[in-house]
Amino acid sequence: MTSIAVIDYGMGNLRSVSKALEYVAPDKKILVTASALEIARADKVVFPGVGAIFHCVAELQQRGLTQVVMDAAANKPFLGICVGMQALFESAEENNDTDALGILKGSVPKLPLARLGDLSLPHMGWNNVKQCVDHPLWHNIQDNARFYFVHSFYVKPEDQKLNAGICNYGLDFSAAIYSNYIFATQFHPEKSQHDGLQLLKNFTYWDGKC
């Protein structure tokens, strides 16, 4: 049976994510785990997150999970969600710049208030996502489908070819990125109803190939 590890590092909508995965893939084994060994043994890995990257990275280090997360992202189907996407990059504009995992090149700046006009921070609610690539995780999801966002920071990849999806909230930003075994979303698929569940279902059957 295919096993999917949902990384428990003390942050993230673990119950929502795990229940959504169980719903779309009853034939898969879903593990919510803080065990480096279980994460290493899993066939696929989900890296959720809410809050600050500073705390995310600190908790991974404290729990001895940093290396196993980096190994998983390099070697098996890997889904990052929200802060779990942001933490994959090099640094964030938090606490006078916070070092992140550096798996992907790029930064995580704060959404600029000057560009938002009447819009507010955090960016919270439903927005359309323009698909940039024909990726297996977009299977059966229409272009410009709506997904649920909650964030004040956004990913700015050094290589724009990493963009799998774009959203506009005062400016265009990366709503989803992909690289080899990695697919990650700024939005929360577990809170995005039908299309979010479809994306999670697609992930549970994805072999890591584009």
N, C-alpha and C. Protein backbone atom coordinates (compact mmCIF):
# COMPACT_ATOMS: atom_id res chain seq x y z
N MET A 1 0.84 -1.20 0.00
CA MET A 1 0.00 0.00 0.00
C MET A 1 0.87 1.25 0.00
N THR A 2 0.56 2.20 -0.88
CA THR A 2 1.29 3.46 -0.93
C THR A 2 1.11 4.23 0.37
N SER A 3 2.22 4.73 0.93
CA SER A 3 2.15 5.51 2.16
C SER A 3 2.48 6.97 1.88
N ILE A 4 1.72 7.85 2.52
CA ILE A 4 1.91 9.30 2.38
C ILE A 4 2.12 9.89 3.76
N ALA A 5 3.29 10.47 3.98
CA ALA A 5 3.61 11.07 5.27
C ALA A 5 3.25 12.54 5.25
N VAL A 6 2.45 12.98 6.22
CA VAL A 6 2.16 14.39 6.45
C VAL A 6 3.04 14.83 7.62
N ILE A 7 3.97 15.73 7.34
CA ILE A 7 5.00 16.08 8.33
C ILE A 7 4.40 16.88 9.47
N ASP A 8 4.55 16.38 10.68
CA ASP A 8 4.09 17.05 11.90
C ASP A 8 5.30 17.69 12.58
N TYR A 9 5.42 19.01 12.44
CA TYR A 9 6.51 19.72 13.12
C TYR A 9 5.94 20.80 14.04
N GLY A 10 4.67 20.59 14.45
CA GLY A 10 4.05 21.51 15.39
C GLY A 10 3.34 22.68 14.76
N MET A 11 3.30 22.73 13.41
CA MET A 11 2.63 23.82 12.71
C MET A 11 1.88 23.26 11.52
N GLY A 12 0.76 23.88 11.17
CA GLY A 12 0.06 23.46 9.97
C GLY A 12 -1.30 22.86 10.28
N ASN A 13 -2.14 22.82 9.26
CA ASN A 13 -3.49 22.26 9.39
C ASN A 13 -3.43 20.75 9.22
N LEU A 14 -2.79 20.09 10.16
CA LEU A 14 -2.52 18.67 9.99
C LEU A 14 -3.80 17.85 9.88
N ARG A 15 -4.77 18.13 10.73
CA ARG A 15 -6.00 17.34 10.70
C ARG A 15 -6.75 17.58 9.39
N SER A 16 -6.85 18.84 8.98
CA SER A 16 -7.56 19.15 7.74
C SER A 16 -6.89 18.48 6.54
N VAL A 17 -5.57 18.54 6.50
CA VAL A 17 -4.83 17.95 5.39
C VAL A 17 -4.97 16.43 5.38
N SER A 18 -4.77 15.82 6.54
CA SER A 18 -4.81 14.36 6.61
C SER A 18 -6.21 13.83 6.31
N LYS A 19 -7.24 14.51 6.82
CA LYS A 19 -8.62 14.07 6.56
C LYS A 19 -8.98 14.22 5.08
N ALA A 20 -8.49 15.29 4.46
CA ALA A 20 -8.74 15.47 3.04
C ALA A 20 -8.06 14.37 2.22
N LEU A 21 -6.83 14.03 2.58
CA LEU A 21 -6.12 12.96 1.89
C LEU A 21 -6.81 11.62 2.08
N GLU A 22 -7.26 11.34 3.29
CA GLU A 22 -7.97 10.09 3.55
C GLU A 22 -9.26 10.01 2.73
N TYR A 23 -9.89 11.15 2.55
CA TYR A 23 -11.15 11.18 1.79
C TYR A 23 -10.92 10.89 0.30
N VAL A 24 -9.87 11.51 -0.27
CA VAL A 24 -9.65 11.35 -1.72
C VAL A 24 -8.90 10.08 -2.06
N ALA A 25 -8.23 9.48 -1.06
CA ALA A 25 -7.41 8.30 -1.34
C ALA A 25 -7.57 7.27 -0.23
N PRO A 26 -8.75 6.66 -0.11
CA PRO A 26 -8.97 5.67 0.94
C PRO A 26 -8.10 4.43 0.79
N ASP A 27 -7.52 4.25 -0.41
CA ASP A 27 -6.67 3.09 -0.64
C ASP A 27 -5.20 3.35 -0.30
N LYS A 28 -4.90 4.56 0.20
CA LYS A 28 -3.53 4.91 0.57
C LYS A 28 -3.41 4.99 2.10
N LYS A 29 -2.21 4.79 2.60
CA LYS A 29 -1.95 4.89 4.04
C LYS A 29 -1.46 6.30 4.34
N ILE A 30 -2.24 7.05 5.11
CA ILE A 30 -1.90 8.44 5.45
C ILE A 30 -1.33 8.47 6.87
N LEU A 31 -0.10 8.95 7.00
CA LEU A 31 0.58 9.01 8.29
C LEU A 31 0.86 10.46 8.66
N VAL A 32 0.31 10.94 9.77
CA VAL A 32 0.71 12.22 10.33
C VAL A 32 1.83 11.92 11.30
N THR A 33 3.04 12.38 11.00
CA THR A 33 4.20 11.89 11.74
C THR A 33 5.28 12.94 11.93
N ALA A 34 5.95 12.85 13.08
CA ALA A 34 7.13 13.66 13.36
C ALA A 34 8.38 12.79 13.37
N SER A 35 8.24 11.56 12.87
CA SER A 35 9.35 10.61 12.86
C SER A 35 10.15 10.74 11.57
N ALA A 36 11.42 11.04 11.69
CA ALA A 36 12.28 11.13 10.51
C ALA A 36 12.32 9.80 9.78
N LEU A 37 12.29 8.70 10.52
CA LEU A 37 12.34 7.37 9.91
C LEU A 37 11.09 7.10 9.09
N GLU A 38 9.91 7.44 9.63
CA GLU A 38 8.66 7.21 8.89
C GLU A 38 8.58 8.10 7.66
N ILE A 39 9.06 9.33 7.77
CA ILE A 39 9.07 10.23 6.62
C ILE A 39 10.00 9.67 5.54
N ALA A 40 11.16 9.19 5.95
CA ALA A 40 12.12 8.63 5.00
C ALA A 40 11.57 7.39 4.30
N ARG A 41 10.78 6.60 5.00
CA ARG A 41 10.24 5.37 4.44
C ARG A 41 8.99 5.59 3.59
N ALA A 42 8.32 6.72 3.76
CA ALA A 42 7.07 6.98 3.04
C ALA A 42 7.31 7.09 1.53
N ASP A 43 6.31 6.74 0.76
CA ASP A 43 6.40 6.83 -0.70
C ASP A 43 6.25 8.27 -1.19
N LYS A 44 5.46 9.06 -0.47
CA LYS A 44 5.22 10.46 -0.81
C LYS A 44 5.19 11.27 0.48
N VAL A 45 5.43 12.58 0.35
CA VAL A 45 5.50 13.43 1.54
C VAL A 45 4.72 14.72 1.31
N VAL A 46 3.95 15.12 2.32
CA VAL A 46 3.25 16.40 2.31
C VAL A 46 3.83 17.27 3.43
N PHE A 47 4.18 18.50 3.06
CA PHE A 47 4.82 19.45 3.98
C PHE A 47 3.88 20.66 4.12
N PRO A 48 2.94 20.61 5.10
CA PRO A 48 2.00 21.71 5.28
C PRO A 48 2.60 22.80 6.16
N GLY A 49 1.87 23.89 6.31
CA GLY A 49 2.37 24.92 7.20
C GLY A 49 1.50 26.15 7.24
N VAL A 50 1.45 26.78 8.40
CA VAL A 50 0.82 28.09 8.57
C VAL A 50 1.74 28.90 9.48
N GLY A 51 1.59 30.21 9.45
CA GLY A 51 2.39 31.05 10.34
C GLY A 51 3.66 31.56 9.70
N ALA A 52 4.72 31.61 10.50
CA ALA A 52 5.97 32.24 10.09
C ALA A 52 7.01 31.21 9.67
N ILE A 53 7.78 31.54 8.64
CA ILE A 53 8.86 30.66 8.19
C ILE A 53 9.91 30.50 9.28
N PHE A 54 10.17 31.58 10.03
CA PHE A 54 11.15 31.52 11.12
C PHE A 54 10.83 30.37 12.07
N HIS A 55 9.58 30.28 12.48
CA HIS A 55 9.19 29.21 13.41
C HIS A 55 9.19 27.86 12.72
N CYS A 56 8.80 27.82 11.46
CA CYS A 56 8.80 26.57 10.71
C CYS A 56 10.20 25.97 10.66
N VAL A 57 11.17 26.76 10.23
CA VAL A 57 12.55 26.28 10.10
C VAL A 57 13.12 25.89 11.46
N ALA A 58 12.81 26.70 12.49
CA ALA A 58 13.32 26.41 13.84
C ALA A 58 12.76 25.09 14.36
N GLU A 59 11.47 24.84 14.13
CA GLU A 59 10.86 23.60 14.60
C GLU A 59 11.43 22.38 13.87
N LEU A 60 11.65 22.51 12.58
CA LEU A 60 12.26 21.40 11.83
C LEU A 60 13.63 21.07 12.40
N GLN A 61 14.42 22.09 12.67
CA GLN A 61 15.77 21.88 13.21
C GLN A 61 15.70 21.25 14.60
N GLN A 62 14.82 21.76 15.44
CA GLN A 62 14.71 21.26 16.80
C GLN A 62 14.28 19.80 16.84
N ARG A 63 13.44 19.41 15.89
CA ARG A 63 12.92 18.04 15.86
C ARG A 63 13.76 17.09 15.00
N GLY A 64 14.86 17.61 14.46
CA GLY A 64 15.75 16.78 13.65
C GLY A 64 15.15 16.35 12.34
N LEU A 65 14.34 17.21 11.73
CA LEU A 65 13.64 16.84 10.51
C LEU A 65 14.16 17.56 9.27
N THR A 66 15.08 18.49 9.43
CA THR A 66 15.51 19.30 8.30
C THR A 66 16.05 18.45 7.16
N GLN A 67 16.97 17.55 7.45
CA GLN A 67 17.60 16.76 6.39
C GLN A 67 16.63 15.81 5.72
N VAL A 68 15.74 15.21 6.49
CA VAL A 68 14.80 14.26 5.88
C VAL A 68 13.80 14.98 4.98
N VAL A 69 13.45 16.23 5.33
CA VAL A 69 12.59 17.02 4.45
C VAL A 69 13.32 17.33 3.14
N MET A 70 14.58 17.73 3.24
CA MET A 70 15.37 18.05 2.05
C MET A 70 15.57 16.81 1.18
N ASP A 71 15.81 15.66 1.81
CA ASP A 71 15.98 14.41 1.06
C ASP A 71 14.69 14.02 0.35
N ALA A 72 13.56 14.17 1.05
CA ALA A 72 12.27 13.81 0.46
C ALA A 72 11.96 14.68 -0.75
N ALA A 73 12.25 15.97 -0.64
CA ALA A 73 11.97 16.89 -1.74
C ALA A 73 12.81 16.56 -2.97
N ALA A 74 13.94 15.93 -2.75
CA ALA A 74 14.84 15.60 -3.87
C ALA A 74 14.58 14.24 -4.48
N ASN A 75 13.83 13.38 -3.77
CA ASN A 75 13.80 11.98 -4.18
C ASN A 75 12.43 11.32 -4.32
N LYS A 76 11.36 12.01 -3.93
CA LYS A 76 10.04 11.38 -4.00
C LYS A 76 8.97 12.44 -4.18
N PRO A 77 7.79 12.08 -4.66
CA PRO A 77 6.73 13.07 -4.82
C PRO A 77 6.50 13.85 -3.52
N PHE A 78 6.56 15.17 -3.64
CA PHE A 78 6.60 16.05 -2.46
C PHE A 78 5.66 17.21 -2.70
N LEU A 79 4.72 17.41 -1.78
CA LEU A 79 3.75 18.50 -1.88
C LEU A 79 3.93 19.47 -0.72
N GLY A 80 4.28 20.72 -1.04
CA GLY A 80 4.36 21.76 -0.04
C GLY A 80 3.10 22.61 -0.07
N ILE A 81 2.63 23.02 1.12
CA ILE A 81 1.41 23.81 1.21
C ILE A 81 1.67 25.07 2.04
N CYS A 82 1.39 26.24 1.47
CA CYS A 82 1.48 27.54 2.13
C CYS A 82 2.90 27.78 2.65
N VAL A 83 3.11 27.84 3.96
CA VAL A 83 4.47 28.01 4.50
C VAL A 83 5.36 26.84 4.09
N GLY A 84 4.75 25.67 3.87
CA GLY A 84 5.51 24.53 3.38
C GLY A 84 6.02 24.73 1.97
N MET A 85 5.45 25.67 1.24
CA MET A 85 5.99 26.09 -0.06
C MET A 85 7.06 27.15 0.14
N GLN A 86 6.76 28.16 0.94
CA GLN A 86 7.68 29.27 1.16
C GLN A 86 9.02 28.81 1.74
N ALA A 87 8.97 27.85 2.65
CA ALA A 87 10.18 27.38 3.33
C ALA A 87 11.15 26.68 2.39
N LEU A 88 10.70 26.29 1.21
CA LEU A 88 11.59 25.62 0.26
C LEU A 88 12.61 26.57 -0.34
N PHE A 89 12.37 27.88 -0.23
CA PHE A 89 13.25 28.86 -0.87
C PHE A 89 14.36 29.31 0.08
N GLU A 90 15.12 30.31 -0.32
CA GLU A 90 16.36 30.64 0.38
C GLU A 90 16.18 31.54 1.60
N SER A 91 15.33 32.53 1.50
CA SER A 91 15.19 33.48 2.61
C SER A 91 13.85 34.17 2.54
N ALA A 92 13.42 34.71 3.69
CA ALA A 92 12.16 35.42 3.78
C ALA A 92 12.36 36.75 4.49
N GLU A 93 11.53 37.72 4.17
CA GLU A 93 11.59 39.04 4.80
C GLU A 93 10.89 39.00 6.15
N GLU A 94 11.41 38.21 7.05
CA GLU A 94 10.91 38.12 8.42
C GLU A 94 12.08 38.36 9.37
N ASN A 95 11.84 39.07 10.46
CA ASN A 95 12.87 39.25 11.49
C ASN A 95 14.21 39.65 10.89
N ASN A 96 14.18 40.69 10.04
CA ASN A 96 15.40 41.14 9.36
C ASN A 96 16.01 40.05 8.50
N ASP A 97 15.18 39.33 7.82
CA ASP A 97 15.53 38.22 6.91
C ASP A 97 15.74 36.93 7.68
N THR A 98 15.03 35.93 7.25
CA THR A 98 15.10 34.59 7.85
C THR A 98 15.61 33.61 6.81
N ASP A 99 16.63 32.84 7.16
CA ASP A 99 17.10 31.79 6.27
C ASP A 99 16.07 30.67 6.23
N ALA A 100 15.74 30.23 5.02
CA ALA A 100 14.84 29.09 4.86
C ALA A 100 15.67 27.88 4.44
N LEU A 101 15.05 26.89 3.82
CA LEU A 101 15.74 25.63 3.54
C LEU A 101 16.69 25.72 2.34
N GLY A 102 16.41 26.63 1.42
CA GLY A 102 17.32 26.81 0.28
C GLY A 102 17.29 25.67 -0.73
N ILE A 103 16.20 24.93 -0.77
CA ILE A 103 16.08 23.85 -1.76
C ILE A 103 15.91 24.44 -3.16
N LEU A 104 15.19 25.54 -3.23
CA LEU A 104 14.96 26.25 -4.48
C LEU A 104 15.50 27.68 -4.36
N LYS A 105 15.98 28.23 -5.46
CA LYS A 105 16.54 29.57 -5.44
C LYS A 105 15.42 30.61 -5.53
N GLY A 106 15.46 31.57 -4.62
CA GLY A 106 14.46 32.62 -4.62
C GLY A 106 14.21 33.11 -3.21
N SER A 107 13.37 34.13 -3.10
CA SER A 107 13.10 34.76 -1.82
C SER A 107 11.60 34.77 -1.54
N VAL A 108 11.26 35.19 -0.32
CA VAL A 108 9.86 35.25 0.11
C VAL A 108 9.60 36.64 0.69
N PRO A 109 9.32 37.63 -0.16
CA PRO A 109 9.03 38.97 0.34
C PRO A 109 7.59 39.10 0.83
N LYS A 110 7.34 40.20 1.53
CA LYS A 110 5.98 40.50 1.99
C LYS A 110 5.21 41.15 0.86
N LEU A 111 3.93 40.82 0.76
CA LEU A 111 3.09 41.49 -0.22
C LEU A 111 3.15 43.00 0.02
N PRO A 112 3.47 43.80 -1.00
CA PRO A 112 3.69 45.23 -0.80
C PRO A 112 2.38 46.01 -0.66
N LEU A 113 2.18 46.64 0.49
CA LEU A 113 0.95 47.38 0.74
C LEU A 113 0.72 48.47 -0.31
N ALA A 114 1.81 49.07 -0.78
CA ALA A 114 1.69 50.15 -1.76
C ALA A 114 1.07 49.67 -3.06
N ARG A 115 1.20 48.39 -3.36
CA ARG A 115 0.66 47.83 -4.60
C ARG A 115 -0.76 47.30 -4.43
N LEU A 116 -1.22 47.20 -3.19
CA LEU A 116 -2.49 46.52 -2.94
C LEU A 116 -3.70 47.43 -3.09
N GLY A 117 -3.51 48.75 -3.01
CA GLY A 117 -4.64 49.65 -3.14
C GLY A 117 -5.65 49.43 -2.03
N ASP A 118 -6.87 49.10 -2.42
CA ASP A 118 -7.94 48.86 -1.44
C ASP A 118 -7.89 47.46 -0.85
N LEU A 119 -6.97 46.64 -1.33
CA LEU A 119 -6.85 45.28 -0.81
C LEU A 119 -6.13 45.30 0.53
N SER A 120 -6.33 44.28 1.35
CA SER A 120 -5.77 44.26 2.70
C SER A 120 -4.87 43.06 2.91
N LEU A 121 -4.08 43.15 3.96
CA LEU A 121 -3.26 42.03 4.40
C LEU A 121 -3.82 41.46 5.69
N PRO A 122 -3.79 40.15 5.88
CA PRO A 122 -3.30 39.16 4.91
C PRO A 122 -4.24 39.01 3.72
N HIS A 123 -3.70 38.46 2.63
CA HIS A 123 -4.52 38.04 1.50
C HIS A 123 -5.31 36.81 1.97
N MET A 124 -6.61 36.98 2.13
CA MET A 124 -7.43 35.90 2.68
C MET A 124 -8.69 35.75 1.85
N GLY A 125 -8.89 34.56 1.31
CA GLY A 125 -10.11 34.30 0.57
C GLY A 125 -9.84 33.58 -0.74
N TRP A 126 -10.85 33.59 -1.60
CA TRP A 126 -10.83 32.82 -2.84
C TRP A 126 -10.31 33.65 -3.99
N ASN A 127 -9.38 33.08 -4.76
CA ASN A 127 -8.84 33.76 -5.93
C ASN A 127 -8.57 32.77 -7.05
N ASN A 128 -8.63 33.28 -8.28
CA ASN A 128 -8.36 32.45 -9.45
C ASN A 128 -6.87 32.17 -9.59
N VAL A 129 -6.56 30.99 -10.08
CA VAL A 129 -5.17 30.60 -10.36
C VAL A 129 -5.04 30.28 -11.84
N LYS A 130 -4.16 31.02 -12.50
CA LYS A 130 -3.85 30.80 -13.91
C LYS A 130 -2.77 29.74 -14.01
N GLN A 131 -3.06 28.64 -14.67
CA GLN A 131 -2.09 27.55 -14.81
C GLN A 131 -1.03 27.93 -15.84
N CYS A 132 0.23 27.72 -15.49
CA CYS A 132 1.35 28.07 -16.36
C CYS A 132 1.90 26.88 -17.14
N VAL A 133 1.64 25.67 -16.64
CA VAL A 133 2.17 24.47 -17.26
C VAL A 133 1.10 23.37 -17.25
N ASP A 134 1.28 22.40 -18.10
CA ASP A 134 0.41 21.23 -18.12
C ASP A 134 1.02 20.19 -17.18
N HIS A 135 0.69 20.30 -15.91
CA HIS A 135 1.28 19.43 -14.90
C HIS A 135 0.25 18.39 -14.45
N PRO A 136 0.69 17.17 -14.09
CA PRO A 136 -0.25 16.15 -13.64
C PRO A 136 -1.13 16.57 -12.46
N LEU A 137 -0.64 17.48 -11.61
CA LEU A 137 -1.46 17.89 -10.48
C LEU A 137 -2.60 18.83 -10.86
N TRP A 138 -2.58 19.33 -12.10
CA TRP A 138 -3.71 20.12 -12.59
C TRP A 138 -4.75 19.26 -13.31
N HIS A 139 -4.54 17.95 -13.33
CA HIS A 139 -5.46 17.06 -14.05
C HIS A 139 -6.90 17.24 -13.54
N ASN A 140 -7.83 17.41 -14.47
CA ASN A 140 -9.26 17.59 -14.16
C ASN A 140 -9.57 18.87 -13.37
N ILE A 141 -8.67 19.84 -13.42
CA ILE A 141 -8.90 21.15 -12.80
C ILE A 141 -8.84 22.20 -13.91
N GLN A 142 -9.90 22.93 -14.08
CA GLN A 142 -9.95 23.93 -15.13
C GLN A 142 -8.99 25.08 -14.87
N ASP A 143 -8.45 25.65 -15.94
CA ASP A 143 -7.63 26.84 -15.82
C ASP A 143 -8.46 27.96 -15.18
N ASN A 144 -7.81 28.77 -14.35
CA ASN A 144 -8.45 29.87 -13.63
C ASN A 144 -9.45 29.40 -12.57
N ALA A 145 -9.32 28.16 -12.13
CA ALA A 145 -10.13 27.67 -11.01
C ALA A 145 -9.79 28.48 -9.75
N ARG A 146 -10.73 28.52 -8.82
CA ARG A 146 -10.56 29.32 -7.61
C ARG A 146 -10.08 28.43 -6.45
N PHE A 147 -9.11 28.98 -5.71
CA PHE A 147 -8.56 28.30 -4.54
C PHE A 147 -8.52 29.26 -3.36
N TYR A 148 -8.37 28.70 -2.16
CA TYR A 148 -8.45 29.50 -0.94
C TYR A 148 -7.05 29.84 -0.42
N PHE A 149 -6.81 31.14 -0.21
CA PHE A 149 -5.51 31.66 0.23
C PHE A 149 -5.61 32.29 1.61
N VAL A 150 -4.53 32.16 2.40
CA VAL A 150 -4.35 32.92 3.64
C VAL A 150 -2.86 33.17 3.79
N HIS A 151 -2.40 34.38 3.45
CA HIS A 151 -0.96 34.65 3.55
C HIS A 151 -0.68 36.15 3.42
N SER A 152 0.48 36.57 3.95
CA SER A 152 0.96 37.94 3.80
C SER A 152 2.27 38.00 3.04
N PHE A 153 2.92 36.86 2.86
CA PHE A 153 4.17 36.77 2.11
C PHE A 153 3.94 35.94 0.85
N TYR A 154 4.81 36.10 -0.12
CA TYR A 154 4.66 35.37 -1.37
C TYR A 154 6.04 34.93 -1.88
N VAL A 155 6.04 33.89 -2.67
CA VAL A 155 7.29 33.34 -3.21
C VAL A 155 7.69 34.10 -4.47
N LYS A 156 8.98 34.43 -4.54
CA LYS A 156 9.55 35.10 -5.72
C LYS A 156 10.71 34.24 -6.22
N PRO A 157 10.42 33.24 -7.07
CA PRO A 157 11.49 32.35 -7.53
C PRO A 157 12.48 33.07 -8.43
N GLU A 158 13.75 32.69 -8.32
CA GLU A 158 14.76 33.27 -9.20
C GLU A 158 14.49 32.88 -10.65
N ASP A 159 14.04 31.67 -10.86
CA ASP A 159 13.72 31.18 -12.19
C ASP A 159 12.19 31.15 -12.34
N GLN A 160 11.64 32.03 -13.17
CA GLN A 160 10.20 32.10 -13.34
C GLN A 160 9.62 30.84 -13.97
N LYS A 161 10.48 30.00 -14.54
CA LYS A 161 10.01 28.75 -15.12
C LYS A 161 9.52 27.78 -14.04
N LEU A 162 9.79 28.08 -12.77
CA LEU A 162 9.28 27.24 -11.69
C LEU A 162 7.78 27.43 -11.47
N ASN A 163 7.23 28.49 -12.02
CA ASN A 163 5.82 28.79 -11.79
C ASN A 163 4.91 27.76 -12.46
N ALA A 164 4.11 27.10 -11.64
CA ALA A 164 3.07 26.20 -12.17
C ALA A 164 1.73 26.90 -12.22
N GLY A 165 1.58 27.96 -11.42
CA GLY A 165 0.34 28.72 -11.40
C GLY A 165 0.57 30.12 -10.87
N ILE A 166 -0.20 31.08 -11.37
CA ILE A 166 -0.07 32.48 -11.00
C ILE A 166 -1.40 32.99 -10.48
N CYS A 167 -1.34 33.82 -9.44
CA CYS A 167 -2.52 34.49 -8.92
C CYS A 167 -2.23 35.99 -8.90
N ASN A 168 -3.27 36.81 -8.97
CA ASN A 168 -3.10 38.25 -8.87
C ASN A 168 -3.80 38.77 -7.62
N TYR A 169 -3.03 39.48 -6.79
CA TYR A 169 -3.57 40.18 -5.63
C TYR A 169 -2.77 41.47 -5.48
N GLY A 170 -3.11 42.44 -6.29
CA GLY A 170 -2.34 43.67 -6.37
C GLY A 170 -1.15 43.54 -7.29
N LEU A 171 -0.62 42.35 -7.39
CA LEU A 171 0.47 42.00 -8.31
C LEU A 171 0.36 40.51 -8.61
N ASP A 172 0.96 40.09 -9.71
CA ASP A 172 1.02 38.66 -10.01
C ASP A 172 2.05 38.00 -9.10
N PHE A 173 1.69 36.87 -8.50
CA PHE A 173 2.64 36.14 -7.66
C PHE A 173 2.47 34.64 -7.89
N SER A 174 3.46 33.88 -7.43
CA SER A 174 3.47 32.43 -7.61
C SER A 174 2.42 31.78 -6.71
N ALA A 175 1.40 31.22 -7.32
CA ALA A 175 0.38 30.50 -6.56
C ALA A 175 0.74 29.03 -6.43
N ALA A 176 1.57 28.53 -7.37
CA ALA A 176 2.04 27.14 -7.32
C ALA A 176 3.37 27.07 -8.06
N ILE A 177 4.25 26.22 -7.58
CA ILE A 177 5.55 26.03 -8.21
C ILE A 177 5.81 24.53 -8.38
N TYR A 178 6.73 24.22 -9.30
CA TYR A 178 7.10 22.83 -9.49
C TYR A 178 8.57 22.74 -9.87
N SER A 179 9.19 21.66 -9.47
CA SER A 179 10.59 21.39 -9.82
C SER A 179 10.87 19.92 -9.54
N ASN A 180 11.06 19.15 -10.60
CA ASN A 180 11.33 17.71 -10.45
C ASN A 180 10.25 17.06 -9.60
N TYR A 181 10.60 16.56 -8.41
CA TYR A 181 9.63 15.85 -7.57
C TYR A 181 8.74 16.79 -6.76
N ILE A 182 9.01 18.08 -6.81
CA ILE A 182 8.30 19.04 -5.96
C ILE A 182 7.12 19.66 -6.70
N PHE A 183 5.99 19.71 -6.01
CA PHE A 183 4.89 20.59 -6.39
C PHE A 183 4.46 21.27 -5.10
N ALA A 184 4.25 22.58 -5.14
CA ALA A 184 3.89 23.29 -3.92
C ALA A 184 2.91 24.40 -4.25
N THR A 185 2.04 24.70 -3.30
CA THR A 185 0.99 25.69 -3.51
C THR A 185 1.00 26.73 -2.40
N GLN A 186 0.77 27.99 -2.79
CA GLN A 186 0.57 29.03 -1.77
C GLN A 186 -0.82 28.91 -1.17
N PHE A 187 -1.77 28.45 -1.95
CA PHE A 187 -3.14 28.26 -1.46
C PHE A 187 -3.25 26.96 -0.67
N HIS A 188 -4.39 26.80 -0.02
CA HIS A 188 -4.66 25.61 0.79
C HIS A 188 -5.61 24.68 0.04
N PRO A 189 -5.10 23.64 -0.60
CA PRO A 189 -6.01 22.73 -1.31
C PRO A 189 -7.00 22.05 -0.38
N GLU A 190 -6.60 21.81 0.85
CA GLU A 190 -7.49 21.12 1.80
C GLU A 190 -8.69 21.99 2.18
N LYS A 191 -8.63 23.30 1.89
CA LYS A 191 -9.74 24.21 2.18
C LYS A 191 -10.41 24.72 0.90
N SER A 192 -10.03 24.15 -0.24
CA SER A 192 -10.47 24.68 -1.53
C SER A 192 -11.53 23.84 -2.22
N GLN A 193 -12.30 23.10 -1.43
CA GLN A 193 -13.46 22.36 -1.93
C GLN A 193 -13.08 21.43 -3.09
N HIS A 194 -13.93 21.38 -4.11
CA HIS A 194 -13.79 20.34 -5.15
C HIS A 194 -12.42 20.38 -5.83
N ASP A 195 -11.98 21.57 -6.28
CA ASP A 195 -10.72 21.63 -7.03
C ASP A 195 -9.52 21.35 -6.13
N GLY A 196 -9.60 21.78 -4.88
CA GLY A 196 -8.52 21.46 -3.95
C GLY A 196 -8.42 19.98 -3.68
N LEU A 197 -9.57 19.33 -3.51
CA LEU A 197 -9.58 17.89 -3.30
C LEU A 197 -9.07 17.15 -4.53
N GLN A 198 -9.41 17.68 -5.72
CA GLN A 198 -8.91 17.06 -6.95
C GLN A 198 -7.39 17.14 -7.01
N LEU A 199 -6.83 18.30 -6.62
CA LEU A 199 -5.37 18.44 -6.63
C LEU A 199 -4.73 17.44 -5.66
N LEU A 200 -5.31 17.30 -4.48
CA LEU A 200 -4.77 16.33 -3.51
C LEU A 200 -4.89 14.91 -4.05
N LYS A 201 -6.01 14.60 -4.68
CA LYS A 201 -6.17 13.27 -5.28
C LYS A 201 -5.12 13.04 -6.36
N ASN A 202 -4.90 14.05 -7.19
CA ASN A 202 -3.88 13.93 -8.22
C ASN A 202 -2.51 13.64 -7.61
N PHE A 203 -2.22 14.31 -6.49
CA PHE A 203 -0.94 14.09 -5.83
C PHE A 203 -0.80 12.65 -5.35
N THR A 204 -1.86 12.09 -4.83
CA THR A 204 -1.77 10.72 -4.27
C THR A 204 -1.47 9.68 -5.33
N TYR A 205 -1.73 10.03 -6.61
CA TYR A 205 -1.42 9.10 -7.70
C TYR A 205 -0.23 9.53 -8.55
N TRP A 206 0.33 10.66 -8.24
CA TRP A 206 1.45 11.21 -9.01
C TRP A 206 2.73 10.43 -8.74
N ASP A 207 3.47 10.09 -9.81
CA ASP A 207 4.71 9.34 -9.65
C ASP A 207 5.95 10.24 -9.64
N GLY A 208 5.74 11.55 -9.66
CA GLY A 208 6.86 12.48 -9.63
C GLY A 208 7.34 12.91 -11.00
N LYS A 209 6.68 12.42 -12.04
CA LYS A 209 7.07 12.80 -13.40
C LYS A 209 6.12 13.86 -13.94
N CYS A 210 6.67 14.78 -14.75
CA CYS A 210 5.86 15.85 -15.33
C CYS A 210 5.47 15.50 -16.76
